[in-house]
């Protein structure tokens, strides 16, 4: 399992209520709590969702770049 998948699993568990306890920050829990305000304040769910998207994308691109730079068979 790569790091991006692990972040998605942790966020999914947080959304289902199986993640961190409430004093700790958890993107999945933030999205879960924001679902009640989704029509009034959509940015409550948008910003944690964008954070998850950007972090997972960044780690995937970083991993691909490192693999291309280090693996001699691909050159």
PDB file of N, CA and C in Angstrom:
ATOM      1  N   UNK A   1       0.848  -1.168   0.000  1.00  0.00           N
ATOM      2  CA  UNK A   1       0.000   0.000   0.000  1.00  0.00           C
ATOM      3  C   UNK A   1       0.892   1.229   0.000  1.00  0.00           C
ATOM      4  N   UNK A   2       0.625   2.132  -0.889  1.00  0.00           N
ATOM      5  CA  UNK A   2       1.416   3.354  -0.941  1.00  0.00           C
ATOM      6  C   UNK A   2       0.840   4.401   0.020  1.00  0.00           C
ATOM      7  N   UNK A   3       1.560   5.487   0.157  1.00  0.00           N
ATOM      8  CA  UNK A   3       1.179   6.512   1.131  1.00  0.00           C
ATOM      9  C   UNK A   3      -0.128   7.205   0.773  1.00  0.00           C
ATOM     10  N   UNK A   4      -0.371   7.412  -0.520  1.00  0.00           N
ATOM     11  CA  UNK A   4      -1.620   8.033  -0.945  1.00  0.00           C
ATOM     12  C   UNK A   4      -2.834   7.199  -0.570  1.00  0.00           C
ATOM     13  N   UNK A   5      -2.720   5.883  -0.757  1.00  0.00           N
ATOM     14  CA  UNK A   5      -3.819   4.992  -0.388  1.00  0.00           C
ATOM     15  C   UNK A   5      -4.030   4.983   1.117  1.00  0.00           C
ATOM     16  N   UNK A   6      -2.944   5.047   1.870  1.00  0.00           N
ATOM     17  CA  UNK A   6      -3.061   5.074   3.327  1.00  0.00           C
ATOM     18  C   UNK A   6      -3.783   6.331   3.798  1.00  0.00           C
ATOM     19  N   UNK A   7      -3.497   7.460   3.169  1.00  0.00           N
ATOM     20  CA  UNK A   7      -4.175   8.706   3.533  1.00  0.00           C
ATOM     21  C   UNK A   7      -5.666   8.599   3.231  1.00  0.00           C
ATOM     22  N   UNK A   8      -6.006   8.019   2.089  1.00  0.00           N
ATOM     23  CA  UNK A   8      -7.418   7.844   1.749  1.00  0.00           C
ATOM     24  C   UNK A   8      -8.124   6.900   2.716  1.00  0.00           C
ATOM     25  N   UNK A   9      -7.445   5.844   3.143  1.00  0.00           N
ATOM     26  CA  UNK A   9      -8.043   4.910   4.103  1.00  0.00           C
ATOM     27  C   UNK A   9      -8.271   5.596   5.444  1.00  0.00           C
ATOM     28  N   UNK A  10      -7.288   6.370   5.902  1.00  0.00           N
ATOM     29  CA  UNK A  10      -7.427   7.071   7.182  1.00  0.00           C
ATOM     30  C   UNK A  10      -8.555   8.105   7.117  1.00  0.00           C
ATOM     31  N   UNK A  11      -8.663   8.824   6.005  1.00  0.00           N
ATOM     32  CA  UNK A  11      -9.741   9.797   5.854  1.00  0.00           C
ATOM     33  C   UNK A  11     -11.097   9.094   5.791  1.00  0.00           C
ATOM     34  N   UNK A  12     -11.149   7.957   5.128  1.00  0.00           N
ATOM     35  CA  UNK A  12     -12.409   7.204   5.062  1.00  0.00           C
ATOM     36  C   UNK A  12     -12.826   6.689   6.433  1.00  0.00           C
ATOM     37  N   UNK A  13     -11.865   6.186   7.194  1.00  0.00           N
ATOM     38  CA  UNK A  13     -12.183   5.734   8.549  1.00  0.00           C
ATOM     39  C   UNK A  13     -12.634   6.893   9.426  1.00  0.00           C
ATOM     40  N   UNK A  14     -12.014   8.048   9.252  1.00  0.00           N
ATOM     41  CA  UNK A  14     -12.442   9.236   9.998  1.00  0.00           C
ATOM     42  C   UNK A  14     -13.852   9.651   9.626  1.00  0.00           C
ATOM     43  N   UNK A  15     -14.200   9.553   8.344  1.00  0.00           N
ATOM     44  CA  UNK A  15     -15.553   9.892   7.907  1.00  0.00           C
ATOM     45  C   UNK A  15     -16.579   8.942   8.516  1.00  0.00           C
ATOM     46  N   UNK A  16     -16.207   7.681   8.656  1.00  0.00           N
ATOM     47  CA  UNK A  16     -17.122   6.689   9.232  1.00  0.00           C
ATOM     48  C   UNK A  16     -17.165   6.732  10.754  1.00  0.00           C
ATOM     49  N   UNK A  17     -16.323   7.570  11.367  1.00  0.00           N
ATOM     50  CA  UNK A  17     -16.321   7.677  12.820  1.00  0.00           C
ATOM     51  C   UNK A  17     -15.375   6.713  13.494  1.00  0.00           C
ATOM     52  N   UNK A  18     -14.492   6.080  12.740  1.00  0.00           N
ATOM     53  CA  UNK A  18     -13.566   5.104  13.295  1.00  0.00           C
ATOM     54  C   UNK A  18     -12.135   5.627  13.344  1.00  0.00           C
ATOM     55  N   UNK A  19     -11.960   6.932  13.214  1.00  0.00           N
ATOM     56  CA  UNK A  19     -10.627   7.526  13.170  1.00  0.00           C
ATOM     57  C   UNK A  19     -10.217   8.097  14.509  1.00  0.00           C
ATOM     58  N   UNK A  20      -9.598   9.266  14.469  1.00  0.00           N
ATOM     59  CA  UNK A  20      -9.096   9.934  15.663  1.00  0.00           C
ATOM     60  C   UNK A  20     -10.243  10.370  16.573  1.00  0.00           C
ATOM     61  N   UNK A  21      -9.923  10.541  17.841  1.00  0.00           N
ATOM     62  CA  UNK A  21     -10.910  11.060  18.782  1.00  0.00           C
ATOM     63  C   UNK A  21     -11.091  12.558  18.534  1.00  0.00           C
ATOM     64  N   UNK A  22     -12.223  13.142  18.890  1.00  0.00           N
ATOM     65  CA  UNK A  22     -12.567  14.523  18.516  1.00  0.00           C
ATOM     66  C   UNK A  22     -11.559  15.628  18.805  1.00  0.00           C
ATOM     67  N   UNK A  23     -10.733  15.631  19.830  1.00  0.00           N
ATOM     68  CA  UNK A  23      -9.786  16.756  19.928  1.00  0.00           C
ATOM     69  C   UNK A  23      -8.743  16.765  18.808  1.00  0.00           C
ATOM     70  N   UNK A  24      -8.449  15.611  18.220  1.00  0.00           N
ATOM     71  CA  UNK A  24      -7.455  15.550  17.141  1.00  0.00           C
ATOM     72  C   UNK A  24      -8.108  15.927  15.808  1.00  0.00           C
ATOM     73  N   UNK A  25      -7.333  16.576  14.960  1.00  0.00           N
ATOM     74  CA  UNK A  25      -7.836  16.971  13.642  1.00  0.00           C
ATOM     75  C   UNK A  25      -7.780  15.781  12.689  1.00  0.00           C
ATOM     76  N   UNK A  26      -8.858  15.576  11.953  1.00  0.00           N
ATOM     77  CA  UNK A  26      -8.941  14.477  10.994  1.00  0.00           C
ATOM     78  C   UNK A  26      -9.778  14.960   9.818  1.00  0.00           C
ATOM     79  N   UNK A  27      -9.218  14.874   8.607  1.00  0.00           N
ATOM     80  CA  UNK A  27      -9.928  15.382   7.436  1.00  0.00           C
ATOM     81  C   UNK A  27     -11.231  14.641   7.197  1.00  0.00           C
ATOM     82  N   UNK A  28     -11.251  13.357   7.413  1.00  0.00           N
ATOM     83  CA  UNK A  28     -12.488  12.596   7.226  1.00  0.00           C
ATOM     84  C   UNK A  28     -13.572  13.032   8.192  1.00  0.00           C
ATOM     85  N   UNK A  29     -13.184  13.270   9.422  1.00  0.00           N
ATOM     86  CA  UNK A  29     -14.145  13.735  10.431  1.00  0.00           C
ATOM     87  C   UNK A  29     -14.630  15.148  10.105  1.00  0.00           C
ATOM     88  N   UNK A  30     -13.751  15.990   9.560  1.00  0.00           N
ATOM     89  CA  UNK A  30     -14.161  17.332   9.158  1.00  0.00           C
ATOM     90  C   UNK A  30     -15.210  17.277   8.055  1.00  0.00           C
ATOM     91  N   UNK A  31     -15.011  16.391   7.094  1.00  0.00           N
ATOM     92  CA  UNK A  31     -15.980  16.253   6.006  1.00  0.00           C
ATOM     93  C   UNK A  31     -17.291  15.683   6.536  1.00  0.00           C
ATOM     94  N   UNK A  32     -17.210  14.754   7.472  1.00  0.00           N
ATOM     95  CA  UNK A  32     -18.427  14.181   8.051  1.00  0.00           C
ATOM     96  C   UNK A  32     -19.239  15.253   8.773  1.00  0.00           C
ATOM     97  N   UNK A  33     -18.573  16.072   9.563  1.00  0.00           N
ATOM     98  CA  UNK A  33     -19.286  17.129  10.288  1.00  0.00           C
ATOM     99  C   UNK A  33     -19.810  18.205   9.353  1.00  0.00           C
ATOM    100  N   UNK A  34     -19.137  18.423   8.228  1.00  0.00           N
ATOM    101  CA  UNK A  34     -19.545  19.466   7.285  1.00  0.00           C
ATOM    102  C   UNK A  34     -20.739  19.048   6.442  1.00  0.00           C
ATOM    103  N   UNK A  35     -21.092  17.778   6.443  1.00  0.00           N
ATOM    104  CA  UNK A  35     -22.209  17.333   5.595  1.00  0.00           C
ATOM    105  C   UNK A  35     -23.541  17.935   6.032  1.00  0.00           C
ATOM    106  N   UNK A  36     -23.666  18.334   7.279  1.00  0.00           N
ATOM    107  CA  UNK A  36     -24.909  18.967   7.729  1.00  0.00           C
ATOM    108  C   UNK A  36     -25.025  20.406   7.230  1.00  0.00           C
ATOM    109  N   UNK A  37     -23.893  21.025   6.879  1.00  0.00           N
ATOM    110  CA  UNK A  37     -23.880  22.411   6.410  1.00  0.00           C
ATOM    111  C   UNK A  37     -23.579  22.511   4.919  1.00  0.00           C
ATOM    112  N   UNK A  38     -23.676  21.428   4.188  1.00  0.00           N
ATOM    113  CA  UNK A  38     -23.203  21.379   2.807  1.00  0.00           C
ATOM    114  C   UNK A  38     -23.938  22.370   1.901  1.00  0.00           C
ATOM    115  N   UNK A  39     -25.190  22.649   2.156  1.00  0.00           N
ATOM    116  CA  UNK A  39     -25.931  23.582   1.310  1.00  0.00           C
ATOM    117  C   UNK A  39     -25.803  25.027   1.783  1.00  0.00           C
ATOM    118  N   UNK A  40     -25.443  25.224   3.042  1.00  0.00           N
ATOM    119  CA  UNK A  40     -25.297  26.567   3.596  1.00  0.00           C
ATOM    120  C   UNK A  40     -23.858  27.068   3.417  1.00  0.00           C
ATOM    121  N   UNK A  41     -22.885  26.266   3.816  1.00  0.00           N
ATOM    122  CA  UNK A  41     -21.470  26.615   3.735  1.00  0.00           C
ATOM    123  C   UNK A  41     -20.697  25.464   3.088  1.00  0.00           C
ATOM    124  N   UNK A  42     -20.705  25.351   1.766  1.00  0.00           N
ATOM    125  CA  UNK A  42     -20.043  24.216   1.111  1.00  0.00           C
ATOM    126  C   UNK A  42     -18.525  24.202   1.293  1.00  0.00           C
ATOM    127  N   UNK A  43     -17.928  25.339   1.629  1.00  0.00           N
ATOM    128  CA  UNK A  43     -16.474  25.350   1.814  1.00  0.00           C
ATOM    129  C   UNK A  43     -16.039  24.555   3.037  1.00  0.00           C
ATOM    130  N   UNK A  44     -16.960  24.294   3.975  1.00  0.00           N
ATOM    131  CA  UNK A  44     -16.613  23.458   5.128  1.00  0.00           C
ATOM    132  C   UNK A  44     -16.202  22.060   4.687  1.00  0.00           C
ATOM    133  N   UNK A  45     -16.813  21.534   3.665  1.00  0.00           N
ATOM    134  CA  UNK A  45     -16.441  20.217   3.143  1.00  0.00           C
ATOM    135  C   UNK A  45     -15.444  20.330   1.996  1.00  0.00           C
ATOM    136  N   UNK A  46     -15.460  21.447   1.297  1.00  0.00           N
ATOM    137  CA  UNK A  46     -14.597  21.617   0.130  1.00  0.00           C
ATOM    138  C   UNK A  46     -13.122  21.673   0.514  1.00  0.00           C
ATOM    139  N   UNK A  47     -12.769  22.436   1.524  1.00  0.00           N
ATOM    140  CA  UNK A  47     -11.363  22.613   1.875  1.00  0.00           C
ATOM    141  C   UNK A  47     -10.705  21.337   2.401  1.00  0.00           C
ATOM    142  N   UNK A  48     -11.331  20.572   3.302  1.00  0.00           N
ATOM    143  CA  UNK A  48     -10.695  19.296   3.678  1.00  0.00           C
ATOM    144  C   UNK A  48     -10.621  18.309   2.503  1.00  0.00           C
ATOM    145  N   UNK A  49     -11.629  18.324   1.639  1.00  0.00           N
ATOM    146  CA  UNK A  49     -11.601  17.451   0.465  1.00  0.00           C
ATOM    147  C   UNK A  49     -10.486  17.826  -0.492  1.00  0.00           C
ATOM    148  N   UNK A  50     -10.300  19.124  -0.709  1.00  0.00           N
ATOM    149  CA  UNK A  50      -9.194  19.578  -1.554  1.00  0.00           C
ATOM    150  C   UNK A  50      -7.844  19.271  -0.917  1.00  0.00           C
ATOM    151  N   UNK A  51      -7.753  19.359   0.398  1.00  0.00           N
ATOM    152  CA  UNK A  51      -6.502  19.031   1.082  1.00  0.00           C
ATOM    153  C   UNK A  51      -6.154  17.557   0.876  1.00  0.00           C
ATOM    154  N   UNK A  52      -7.140  16.682   1.005  1.00  0.00           N
ATOM    155  CA  UNK A  52      -6.911  15.258   0.770  1.00  0.00           C
ATOM    156  C   UNK A  52      -6.462  15.036  -0.669  1.00  0.00           C
ATOM    157  N   UNK A  53      -7.160  15.655  -1.608  1.00  0.00           N
ATOM    158  CA  UNK A  53      -6.833  15.500  -3.019  1.00  0.00           C
ATOM    159  C   UNK A  53      -5.411  15.959  -3.317  1.00  0.00           C
ATOM    160  N   UNK A  54      -5.037  17.135  -2.829  1.00  0.00           N
ATOM    161  CA  UNK A  54      -3.716  17.676  -3.123  1.00  0.00           C
ATOM    162  C   UNK A  54      -2.595  16.879  -2.475  1.00  0.00           C
ATOM    163  N   UNK A  55      -2.793  16.420  -1.247  1.00  0.00           N
ATOM    164  CA  UNK A  55      -1.754  15.654  -0.565  1.00  0.00           C
ATOM    165  C   UNK A  55      -1.563  14.300  -1.241  1.00  0.00           C
ATOM    166  N   UNK A  56      -2.650  13.622  -1.585  1.00  0.00           N
ATOM    167  CA  UNK A  56      -2.538  12.330  -2.253  1.00  0.00           C
ATOM    168  C   UNK A  56      -1.898  12.502  -3.629  1.00  0.00           C
ATOM    169  N   UNK A  57      -2.298  13.516  -4.370  1.00  0.00           N
ATOM    170  CA  UNK A  57      -1.697  13.774  -5.678  1.00  0.00           C
ATOM    171  C   UNK A  57      -0.212  14.101  -5.548  1.00  0.00           C
ATOM    172  N   UNK A  58       0.155  14.905  -4.563  1.00  0.00           N
ATOM    173  CA  UNK A  58       1.556  15.268  -4.365  1.00  0.00           C
ATOM    174  C   UNK A  58       2.410  14.046  -4.042  1.00  0.00           C
ATOM    175  N   UNK A  59       1.920  13.174  -3.163  1.00  0.00           N
ATOM    176  CA  UNK A  59       2.693  11.980  -2.827  1.00  0.00           C
ATOM    177  C   UNK A  59       2.800  11.022  -4.005  1.00  0.00           C
ATOM    178  N   UNK A  60       1.745  10.912  -4.798  1.00  0.00           N
ATOM    179  CA  UNK A  60       1.814  10.048  -5.973  1.00  0.00           C
ATOM    180  C   UNK A  60       2.798  10.597  -7.002  1.00  0.00           C
ATOM    181  N   UNK A  61       2.779  11.901  -7.243  1.00  0.00           N
ATOM    182  CA  UNK A  61       3.725  12.494  -8.187  1.00  0.00           C
ATOM    183  C   UNK A  61       5.157  12.418  -7.672  1.00  0.00           C
ATOM    184  N   UNK A  62       5.340  12.605  -6.376  1.00  0.00           N
ATOM    185  CA  UNK A  62       6.661  12.482  -5.780  1.00  0.00           C
ATOM    186  C   UNK A  62       7.185  11.056  -5.915  1.00  0.00           C
ATOM    187  N   UNK A  63       6.342  10.089  -5.647  1.00  0.00           N
ATOM    188  CA  UNK A  63       6.748   8.689  -5.783  1.00  0.00           C
ATOM    189  C   UNK A  63       7.088   8.330  -7.219  1.00  0.00           C
ATOM    190  N   UNK A  64       6.295   8.811  -8.171  1.00  0.00           N
ATOM    191  CA  UNK A  64       6.586   8.553  -9.582  1.00  0.00           C
ATOM    192  C   UNK A  64       7.902   9.207 -10.006  1.00  0.00           C
ATOM    193  N   UNK A  65       8.131  10.409  -9.543  1.00  0.00           N
ATOM    194  CA  UNK A  65       9.372  11.100  -9.875  1.00  0.00           C
ATOM    195  C   UNK A  65      10.589  10.409  -9.288  1.00  0.00           C
ATOM    196  N   UNK A  66      10.477   9.967  -8.037  1.00  0.00           N
ATOM    197  CA  UNK A  66      11.586   9.243  -7.418  1.00  0.00           C
ATOM    198  C   UNK A  66      11.845   7.920  -8.120  1.00  0.00           C
ATOM    199  N   UNK A  67      10.784   7.223  -8.505  1.00  0.00           N
ATOM    200  CA  UNK A  67      10.957   5.959  -9.209  1.00  0.00           C
ATOM    201  C   UNK A  67      11.644   6.179 -10.549  1.00  0.00           C
ATOM    202  N   UNK A  68      11.249   7.215 -11.261  1.00  0.00           N
ATOM    203  CA  UNK A  68      11.877   7.510 -12.547  1.00  0.00           C
ATOM    204  C   UNK A  68      13.338   7.909 -12.377  1.00  0.00           C
ATOM    205  N   UNK A  69      13.651   8.621 -11.310  1.00  0.00           N
ATOM    206  CA  UNK A  69      15.031   9.083 -11.091  1.00  0.00           C
ATOM    207  C   UNK A  69      15.944   7.967 -10.593  1.00  0.00           C
ATOM    208  N   UNK A  70      15.414   7.049  -9.819  1.00  0.00           N
ATOM    209  CA  UNK A  70      16.250   6.039  -9.175  1.00  0.00           C
ATOM    210  C   UNK A  70      16.328   4.736  -9.967  1.00  0.00           C
ATOM    211  N   UNK A  71      15.259   4.322 -10.597  1.00  0.00           N
ATOM    212  CA  UNK A  71      15.218   3.016 -11.269  1.00  0.00           C
ATOM    213  C   UNK A  71      16.017   3.057 -12.569  1.00  0.00           C
ATOM    214  N   UNK A  72      17.104   2.322 -12.648  1.00  0.00           N
ATOM    215  CA  UNK A  72      17.937   2.367 -13.860  1.00  0.00           C
ATOM    216  C   UNK A  72      17.317   1.628 -15.048  1.00  0.00           C
ATOM    217  N   UNK A  73      16.381   0.759 -14.812  1.00  0.00           N
ATOM    218  CA  UNK A  73      15.781  -0.019 -15.910  1.00  0.00           C
ATOM    219  C   UNK A  73      14.874   0.827 -16.778  1.00  0.00           C
ATOM    220  N   UNK A  74      14.357   1.934 -16.260  1.00  0.00           N
ATOM    221  CA  UNK A  74      13.437   2.753 -17.030  1.00  0.00           C
ATOM    222  C   UNK A  74      14.150   3.740 -17.952  1.00  0.00           C
ATOM    223  N   UNK A  75      15.458   3.860 -17.847  1.00  0.00           N
ATOM    224  CA  UNK A  75      16.185   4.856 -18.656  1.00  0.00           C
ATOM    225  C   UNK A  75      16.653   4.282 -19.957  1.00  0.00           C
TER     226      UNK A  75
END
